[in-house]
Amino acid sequence: MVIVNSFAEYQAFEGKEIGVSQWHTIDQAQINKFADATLDHQWIHCDEEKAKNEGPFKSTIAHGYLTLSLIPYLWKQIADIRNVKMEINYGIEQFKFGQAVLVNDEVQLSAKLKSIVDLRGVTKVVIAATLNIKGKTKPAYTGDVVFLYHF
């Protein structure tokens, strides 16, 4: 876990790997709860029997947006940004899904500080994010996450 207390400390990581999260297992219960929350009950996510017998992955898979929604949770395991009045999830850019996350796969977020800018008191940070899948060489996704911090 990296601890950042100021803009200057954050800036020292520019262009560098910040760290990786712990492994997180995406189970069927989490997939089903996400389906309920988003009203996306497509069989490839929720119908275990049909996915096993008819699906291309022979298993249910996590929603792509479920894996994206894990970014704040996994990011908090990588970095503790202190002395901020407010943190805003500002955007995601250039995300590409590399492969499906199967039920019970373990995923881990890897984060690199791509850029950091002081916008007249608001710090804009772009994090290059990669979601790795345990035992697989190709990531679930890659892309940039943008945060705004008010130190």
C-alpha atoms as a PDB file:
ATOM      1  CA  MET A   1       0.000   0.000   0.000  1.00  0.00           C
ATOM      2  CA  VAL A   2       1.341   3.370  -1.057  1.00  0.00           C
ATOM      3  CA  ILE A   3       0.536   6.344   1.178  1.00  0.00           C
ATOM      4  CA  VAL A   4       0.342   9.760  -0.483  1.00  0.00           C
ATOM      5  CA  ASN A   5       0.023  12.887   1.674  1.00  0.00           C
ATOM      6  CA  SER A   6       0.363  15.675  -0.903  1.00  0.00           C
ATOM      7  CA  PHE A   7       0.493  16.664  -4.550  1.00  0.00           C
ATOM      8  CA  ALA A   8       4.311  16.565  -4.469  1.00  0.00           C
ATOM      9  CA  GLU A   9       4.353  13.028  -3.059  1.00  0.00           C
ATOM     10  CA  TYR A  10       1.841  11.919  -5.698  1.00  0.00           C
ATOM     11  CA  GLN A  11       3.850  13.570  -8.475  1.00  0.00           C
ATOM     12  CA  ALA A  12       6.919  11.508  -7.512  1.00  0.00           C
ATOM     13  CA  PHE A  13       5.112   8.426  -8.891  1.00  0.00           C
ATOM     14  CA  GLU A  14       4.526   9.913 -12.352  1.00  0.00           C
ATOM     15  CA  GLY A  15       5.475   7.384 -15.019  1.00  0.00           C
ATOM     16  CA  LYS A  16       5.909   4.645 -12.416  1.00  0.00           C
ATOM     17  CA  GLU A  17       4.023   1.566 -11.299  1.00  0.00           C
ATOM     18  CA  ILE A  18       2.142   2.442  -8.110  1.00  0.00           C
ATOM     19  CA  GLY A  19       1.255  -1.125  -7.165  1.00  0.00           C
ATOM     20  CA  VAL A  20      -1.211  -3.977  -7.364  1.00  0.00           C
ATOM     21  CA  SER A  21      -4.304  -4.865  -5.367  1.00  0.00           C
ATOM     22  CA  GLN A  22      -5.027  -8.104  -3.601  1.00  0.00           C
ATOM     23  CA  TRP A  23      -6.697 -10.870  -5.597  1.00  0.00           C
ATOM     24  CA  HIS A  24     -10.501 -10.706  -5.622  1.00  0.00           C
ATOM     25  CA  THR A  25     -12.715 -13.665  -6.535  1.00  0.00           C
ATOM     26  CA  ILE A  26     -15.789 -12.859  -8.613  1.00  0.00           C
ATOM     27  CA  ASP A  27     -18.364 -15.482  -7.660  1.00  0.00           C
ATOM     28  CA  GLN A  28     -21.852 -16.157  -8.961  1.00  0.00           C
ATOM     29  CA  ALA A  29     -23.484 -14.348  -6.038  1.00  0.00           C
ATOM     30  CA  GLN A  30     -21.639 -11.132  -6.954  1.00  0.00           C
ATOM     31  CA  ILE A  31     -22.556 -11.558 -10.631  1.00  0.00           C
ATOM     32  CA  ASN A  32     -26.217 -12.083  -9.714  1.00  0.00           C
ATOM     33  CA  LYS A  33     -26.272  -9.013  -7.444  1.00  0.00           C
ATOM     34  CA  PHE A  34     -24.745  -6.913 -10.213  1.00  0.00           C
ATOM     35  CA  ALA A  35     -27.357  -8.269 -12.643  1.00  0.00           C
ATOM     36  CA  ASP A  36     -30.109  -7.237 -10.220  1.00  0.00           C
ATOM     37  CA  ALA A  37     -28.602  -3.773  -9.743  1.00  0.00           C
ATOM     38  CA  THR A  38     -28.207  -3.123 -13.488  1.00  0.00           C
ATOM     39  CA  LEU A  39     -31.228  -5.087 -14.744  1.00  0.00           C
ATOM     40  CA  ASP A  40     -28.865  -7.041 -17.028  1.00  0.00           C
ATOM     41  CA  HIS A  41     -29.892 -10.673 -16.564  1.00  0.00           C
ATOM     42  CA  GLN A  42     -28.480 -11.996 -19.837  1.00  0.00           C
ATOM     43  CA  TRP A  43     -28.122 -15.780 -19.625  1.00  0.00           C
ATOM     44  CA  ILE A  44     -24.349 -15.676 -20.213  1.00  0.00           C
ATOM     45  CA  HIS A  45     -24.095 -14.052 -16.767  1.00  0.00           C
ATOM     46  CA  CYS A  46     -26.931 -15.612 -14.775  1.00  0.00           C
ATOM     47  CA  ASP A  47     -28.031 -18.973 -16.190  1.00  0.00           C
ATOM     48  CA  GLU A  48     -25.318 -21.350 -14.993  1.00  0.00           C
ATOM     49  CA  GLU A  49     -26.780 -24.421 -16.692  1.00  0.00           C
ATOM     50  CA  LYS A  50     -27.312 -22.791 -20.084  1.00  0.00           C
ATOM     51  CA  ALA A  51     -23.895 -21.131 -19.961  1.00  0.00           C
ATOM     52  CA  LYS A  52     -22.274 -24.473 -19.146  1.00  0.00           C
ATOM     53  CA  ASN A  53     -24.063 -26.364 -21.936  1.00  0.00           C
ATOM     54  CA  GLU A  54     -24.495 -23.744 -24.660  1.00  0.00           C
ATOM     55  CA  GLY A  55     -22.141 -20.869 -23.921  1.00  0.00           C
ATOM     56  CA  PRO A  56     -18.789 -20.279 -25.598  1.00  0.00           C
ATOM     57  CA  PHE A  57     -16.994 -20.182 -22.210  1.00  0.00           C
ATOM     58  CA  LYS A  58     -18.709 -23.266 -20.703  1.00  0.00           C
ATOM     59  CA  SER A  59     -19.364 -21.124 -17.642  1.00  0.00           C
ATOM     60  CA  THR A  60     -21.105 -17.917 -16.677  1.00  0.00           C
ATOM     61  CA  ILE A  61     -19.014 -14.772 -17.026  1.00  0.00           C
ATOM     62  CA  ALA A  62     -18.865 -11.513 -15.109  1.00  0.00           C
ATOM     63  CA  HIS A  63     -20.403  -8.442 -16.705  1.00  0.00           C
ATOM     64  CA  GLY A  64     -17.715  -6.234 -18.208  1.00  0.00           C
ATOM     65  CA  TYR A  65     -19.128  -3.304 -16.260  1.00  0.00           C
ATOM     66  CA  LEU A  66     -18.985  -5.343 -13.048  1.00  0.00           C
ATOM     67  CA  THR A  67     -15.223  -5.660 -13.523  1.00  0.00           C
ATOM     68  CA  LEU A  68     -14.981  -1.907 -14.172  1.00  0.00           C
ATOM     69  CA  SER A  69     -17.043  -1.157 -11.076  1.00  0.00           C
ATOM     70  CA  LEU A  70     -14.385  -2.886  -8.948  1.00  0.00           C
ATOM     71  CA  ILE A  71     -11.824  -0.172  -9.740  1.00  0.00           C
ATOM     72  CA  PRO A  72     -12.556   2.056  -6.686  1.00  0.00           C
ATOM     73  CA  TYR A  73     -12.529  -0.952  -4.326  1.00  0.00           C
ATOM     74  CA  LEU A  74      -9.296  -2.393  -5.733  1.00  0.00           C
ATOM     75  CA  TRP A  75      -7.640   1.050  -6.059  1.00  0.00           C
ATOM     76  CA  LYS A  76      -8.116   1.625  -2.303  1.00  0.00           C
ATOM     77  CA  GLN A  77      -5.954  -1.474  -1.724  1.00  0.00           C
ATOM     78  CA  ILE A  78      -3.142   0.050  -3.807  1.00  0.00           C
ATOM     79  CA  ALA A  79      -3.021   3.665  -2.644  1.00  0.00           C
ATOM     80  CA  ASP A  80      -4.170   5.634   0.366  1.00  0.00           C
ATOM     81  CA  ILE A  81      -4.455   9.250  -0.773  1.00  0.00           C
ATOM     82  CA  ARG A  82      -4.550  11.362   2.390  1.00  0.00           C
ATOM     83  CA  ASN A  83      -5.245  14.999   3.223  1.00  0.00           C
ATOM     84  CA  VAL A  84      -7.860  15.348   0.499  1.00  0.00           C
ATOM     85  CA  LYS A  85     -11.076  17.272   0.977  1.00  0.00           C
ATOM     86  CA  MET A  86     -12.745  15.386  -1.828  1.00  0.00           C
ATOM     87  CA  GLU A  87     -11.985  12.648  -4.378  1.00  0.00           C
ATOM     88  CA  ILE A  88     -14.019  12.355  -7.566  1.00  0.00           C
ATOM     89  CA  ASN A  89     -14.166   9.494 -10.054  1.00  0.00           C
ATOM     90  CA  TYR A  90     -13.882  11.759 -13.095  1.00  0.00           C
ATOM     91  CA  GLY A  91     -13.788   9.354 -15.998  1.00  0.00           C
ATOM     92  CA  ILE A  92     -12.518   6.307 -17.794  1.00  0.00           C
ATOM     93  CA  GLU A  93     -10.748   6.543 -21.125  1.00  0.00           C
ATOM     94  CA  GLN A  94      -9.619   4.163 -23.844  1.00  0.00           C
ATOM     95  CA  PHE A  95     -10.766   1.005 -22.081  1.00  0.00           C
ATOM     96  CA  LYS A  96     -10.553  -2.256 -23.968  1.00  0.00           C
ATOM     97  CA  PHE A  97     -11.787  -5.603 -22.747  1.00  0.00           C
ATOM     98  CA  GLY A  98      -9.187  -8.286 -23.450  1.00  0.00           C
ATOM     99  CA  GLN A  99     -11.018 -11.398 -22.354  1.00  0.00           C
ATOM    100  CA  ALA A 100     -13.970 -12.560 -20.313  1.00  0.00           C
ATOM    101  CA  VAL A 101     -13.760 -13.062 -16.565  1.00  0.00           C
ATOM    102  CA  LEU A 102     -15.292 -16.442 -15.764  1.00  0.00           C
ATOM    103  CA  VAL A 103     -17.233 -17.112 -12.591  1.00  0.00           C
ATOM    104  CA  ASN A 104     -14.813 -17.785  -9.704  1.00  0.00           C
ATOM    105  CA  ASP A 105     -11.864 -16.221 -11.525  1.00  0.00           C
ATOM    106  CA  GLU A 106      -9.561 -14.166  -9.337  1.00  0.00           C
ATOM    107  CA  VAL A 107      -8.746 -10.656 -10.565  1.00  0.00           C
ATOM    108  CA  GLN A 108      -6.124  -8.117  -9.511  1.00  0.00           C
ATOM    109  CA  LEU A 109      -5.772  -4.449 -10.431  1.00  0.00           C
ATOM    110  CA  SER A 110      -2.385  -3.111 -11.483  1.00  0.00           C
ATOM    111  CA  ALA A 111      -1.960   0.688 -11.473  1.00  0.00           C
ATOM    112  CA  LYS A 112       0.617   3.041 -12.995  1.00  0.00           C
ATOM    113  CA  LEU A 113       0.550   6.833 -12.660  1.00  0.00           C
ATOM    114  CA  LYS A 114       0.354   8.003 -16.255  1.00  0.00           C
ATOM    115  CA  SER A 115       0.024  11.726 -15.528  1.00  0.00           C
ATOM    116  CA  ILE A 116      -0.692  14.220 -12.776  1.00  0.00           C
ATOM    117  CA  VAL A 117      -1.584  17.888 -13.254  1.00  0.00           C
ATOM    118  CA  ASP A 118      -2.455  20.712 -10.888  1.00  0.00           C
ATOM    119  CA  LEU A 119      -5.486  22.496 -12.347  1.00  0.00           C
ATOM    120  CA  ARG A 120      -5.497  25.586 -10.114  1.00  0.00           C
ATOM    121  CA  GLY A 121      -5.931  23.669  -6.883  1.00  0.00           C
ATOM    122  CA  VAL A 122      -7.602  20.566  -8.268  1.00  0.00           C
ATOM    123  CA  THR A 123      -5.301  17.639  -8.960  1.00  0.00           C
ATOM    124  CA  LYS A 124      -6.134  15.595 -12.068  1.00  0.00           C
ATOM    125  CA  VAL A 125      -4.599  12.127 -12.054  1.00  0.00           C
ATOM    126  CA  VAL A 126      -4.642   9.601 -14.888  1.00  0.00           C
ATOM    127  CA  ILE A 127      -4.010   6.021 -13.792  1.00  0.00           C
ATOM    128  CA  ALA A 128      -3.176   3.340 -16.368  1.00  0.00           C
ATOM    129  CA  ALA A 129      -5.228   0.414 -15.069  1.00  0.00           C
ATOM    130  CA  THR A 130      -4.911  -3.255 -15.972  1.00  0.00           C
ATOM    131  CA  LEU A 131      -7.180  -5.945 -14.556  1.00  0.00           C
ATOM    132  CA  ASN A 132      -5.254  -9.208 -14.504  1.00  0.00           C
ATOM    133  CA  ILE A 133      -6.856 -12.646 -14.234  1.00  0.00           C
ATOM    134  CA  LYS A 134      -4.976 -15.202 -12.145  1.00  0.00           C
ATOM    135  CA  GLY A 135      -3.395 -17.880 -14.328  1.00  0.00           C
ATOM    136  CA  LYS A 136      -4.020 -16.049 -17.608  1.00  0.00           C
ATOM    137  CA  THR A 137      -1.572 -14.012 -19.659  1.00  0.00           C
ATOM    138  CA  LYS A 138      -4.125 -11.708 -21.286  1.00  0.00           C
ATOM    139  CA  PRO A 139      -5.773  -9.126 -18.986  1.00  0.00           C
ATOM    140  CA  ALA A 140      -9.515  -8.674 -18.575  1.00  0.00           C
ATOM    141  CA  TYR A 141      -9.057  -5.027 -19.559  1.00  0.00           C
ATOM    142  CA  THR A 142      -6.689  -2.123 -19.912  1.00  0.00           C
ATOM    143  CA  GLY A 143      -7.433   1.581 -19.897  1.00  0.00           C
ATOM    144  CA  ASP A 144      -7.090   4.874 -18.090  1.00  0.00           C
ATOM    145  CA  VAL A 145      -8.946   5.926 -14.963  1.00  0.00           C
ATOM    146  CA  VAL A 146      -9.172   9.643 -14.188  1.00  0.00           C
ATOM    147  CA  PHE A 147      -9.503  10.932 -10.640  1.00  0.00           C
ATOM    148  CA  LEU A 148      -9.813  14.501  -9.355  1.00  0.00           C
ATOM    149  CA  TYR A 149      -8.472  15.316  -5.902  1.00  0.00           C
ATOM    150  CA  HIS A 150      -8.951  18.443  -3.826  1.00  0.00           C
ATOM    151  CA  PHE A 151      -5.943  18.600  -1.479  1.00  0.00           C
END
